Amino acid sequence: MLIRTIEKFLREHDMPATKFGRLATNDPRFVLDLRNGRMPRRRMEKRVEHFMNIFREQCDAR
């Protein structure tokens, strides 16, 4: 489930949910909406997963 993956990512990177939403989807309420039951389309899921993968790669390169 996407929200579990995002919650884990937020803890690992000590990132606020609003910042994640803004960076990943241009929607600061994205994570809050997911927590409240929003079901994103597959395209949005892929976009968010891609963001997390790229972010991790950049953090590992530092």
C-alpha atoms as a PDB file:
ATOM      1  CA  MET A   1       0.000   0.000   0.000  1.00  0.00           C
ATOM      2  CA  LEU A   2       1.380   3.378  -1.043  1.00  0.00           C
ATOM      3  CA  ILE A   3       0.656   5.223   2.208  1.00  0.00           C
ATOM      4  CA  ARG A   4       2.724   2.728   4.220  1.00  0.00           C
ATOM      5  CA  THR A   5       5.665   3.182   1.864  1.00  0.00           C
ATOM      6  CA  ILE A   6       5.354   6.953   2.115  1.00  0.00           C
ATOM      7  CA  GLU A   7       5.087   6.897   5.925  1.00  0.00           C
ATOM      8  CA  LYS A   8       8.268   4.809   6.102  1.00  0.00           C
ATOM      9  CA  PHE A   9      10.009   7.191   3.704  1.00  0.00           C
ATOM     10  CA  LEU A  10       8.968  10.187   5.810  1.00  0.00           C
ATOM     11  CA  ARG A  11      10.406   8.597   8.956  1.00  0.00           C
ATOM     12  CA  GLU A  12      13.652   7.561   7.245  1.00  0.00           C
ATOM     13  CA  HIS A  13      14.276  11.042   5.862  1.00  0.00           C
ATOM     14  CA  ASP A  14      12.710  13.058   8.700  1.00  0.00           C
ATOM     15  CA  MET A  15      10.572  14.870   6.143  1.00  0.00           C
ATOM     16  CA  PRO A  16       7.268  16.597   6.910  1.00  0.00           C
ATOM     17  CA  ALA A  17       4.274  15.235   5.016  1.00  0.00           C
ATOM     18  CA  THR A  18       3.519  18.618   3.460  1.00  0.00           C
ATOM     19  CA  LYS A  19       7.040  18.960   2.081  1.00  0.00           C
ATOM     20  CA  PHE A  20       6.843  15.463   0.629  1.00  0.00           C
ATOM     21  CA  GLY A  21       3.534  16.235  -1.049  1.00  0.00           C
ATOM     22  CA  ARG A  22       4.844  19.495  -2.451  1.00  0.00           C
ATOM     23  CA  LEU A  23       8.002  17.916  -3.857  1.00  0.00           C
ATOM     24  CA  ALA A  24       6.467  14.689  -5.153  1.00  0.00           C
ATOM     25  CA  THR A  25       3.107  15.871  -6.475  1.00  0.00           C
ATOM     26  CA  ASN A  26       2.924  19.675  -6.144  1.00  0.00           C
ATOM     27  CA  ASP A  27       0.148  19.065  -3.590  1.00  0.00           C
ATOM     28  CA  PRO A  28       1.064  19.740   0.052  1.00  0.00           C
ATOM     29  CA  ARG A  29      -2.131  17.949   1.197  1.00  0.00           C
ATOM     30  CA  PHE A  30      -1.370  14.751  -0.730  1.00  0.00           C
ATOM     31  CA  VAL A  31      -0.213  12.662   2.261  1.00  0.00           C
ATOM     32  CA  LEU A  32      -2.992  13.975   4.507  1.00  0.00           C
ATOM     33  CA  ASP A  33      -5.525  13.059   1.826  1.00  0.00           C
ATOM     34  CA  LEU A  34      -4.032   9.552   1.582  1.00  0.00           C
ATOM     35  CA  ARG A  35      -4.266   9.205   5.350  1.00  0.00           C
ATOM     36  CA  ASN A  36      -7.939  10.141   5.050  1.00  0.00           C
ATOM     37  CA  GLY A  37      -8.634   7.471   2.443  1.00  0.00           C
ATOM     38  CA  ARG A  38      -7.773   9.053  -0.896  1.00  0.00           C
ATOM     39  CA  MET A  39      -6.969   6.428  -3.519  1.00  0.00           C
ATOM     40  CA  PRO A  40      -4.507   7.780  -6.101  1.00  0.00           C
ATOM     41  CA  ARG A  41      -4.527   6.605  -9.686  1.00  0.00           C
ATOM     42  CA  ARG A  42      -1.780   4.285 -10.871  1.00  0.00           C
ATOM     43  CA  ARG A  43      -0.036   7.111 -12.729  1.00  0.00           C
ATOM     44  CA  MET A  44       0.220   9.141  -9.519  1.00  0.00           C
ATOM     45  CA  GLU A  45       1.505   6.097  -7.619  1.00  0.00           C
ATOM     46  CA  LYS A  46       4.256   5.663 -10.208  1.00  0.00           C
ATOM     47  CA  ARG A  47       5.121   9.357  -9.981  1.00  0.00           C
ATOM     48  CA  VAL A  48       5.440   9.194  -6.193  1.00  0.00           C
ATOM     49  CA  GLU A  49       7.472   5.969  -6.301  1.00  0.00           C
ATOM     50  CA  HIS A  50       9.789   7.540  -8.874  1.00  0.00           C
ATOM     51  CA  PHE A  51      10.254  10.608  -6.658  1.00  0.00           C
ATOM     52  CA  MET A  52      11.164   8.441  -3.648  1.00  0.00           C
ATOM     53  CA  ASN A  53      13.646   6.382  -5.683  1.00  0.00           C
ATOM     54  CA  ILE A  54      15.379   9.460  -7.100  1.00  0.00           C
ATOM     55  CA  PHE A  55      15.466  11.132  -3.672  1.00  0.00           C
ATOM     56  CA  ARG A  56      17.072   8.041  -2.105  1.00  0.00           C
ATOM     57  CA  GLU A  57      19.662   7.842  -4.879  1.00  0.00           C
ATOM     58  CA  GLN A  58      20.581  11.479  -4.364  1.00  0.00           C
ATOM     59  CA  CYS A  59      20.870  10.997  -0.604  1.00  0.00           C
ATOM     60  CA  ASP A  60      23.071   7.934  -1.065  1.00  0.00           C
ATOM     61  CA  ALA A  61      25.346   9.837  -3.460  1.00  0.00           C
ATOM     62  CA  ARG A  62      26.117  12.487  -0.818  1.00  0.00           C
END
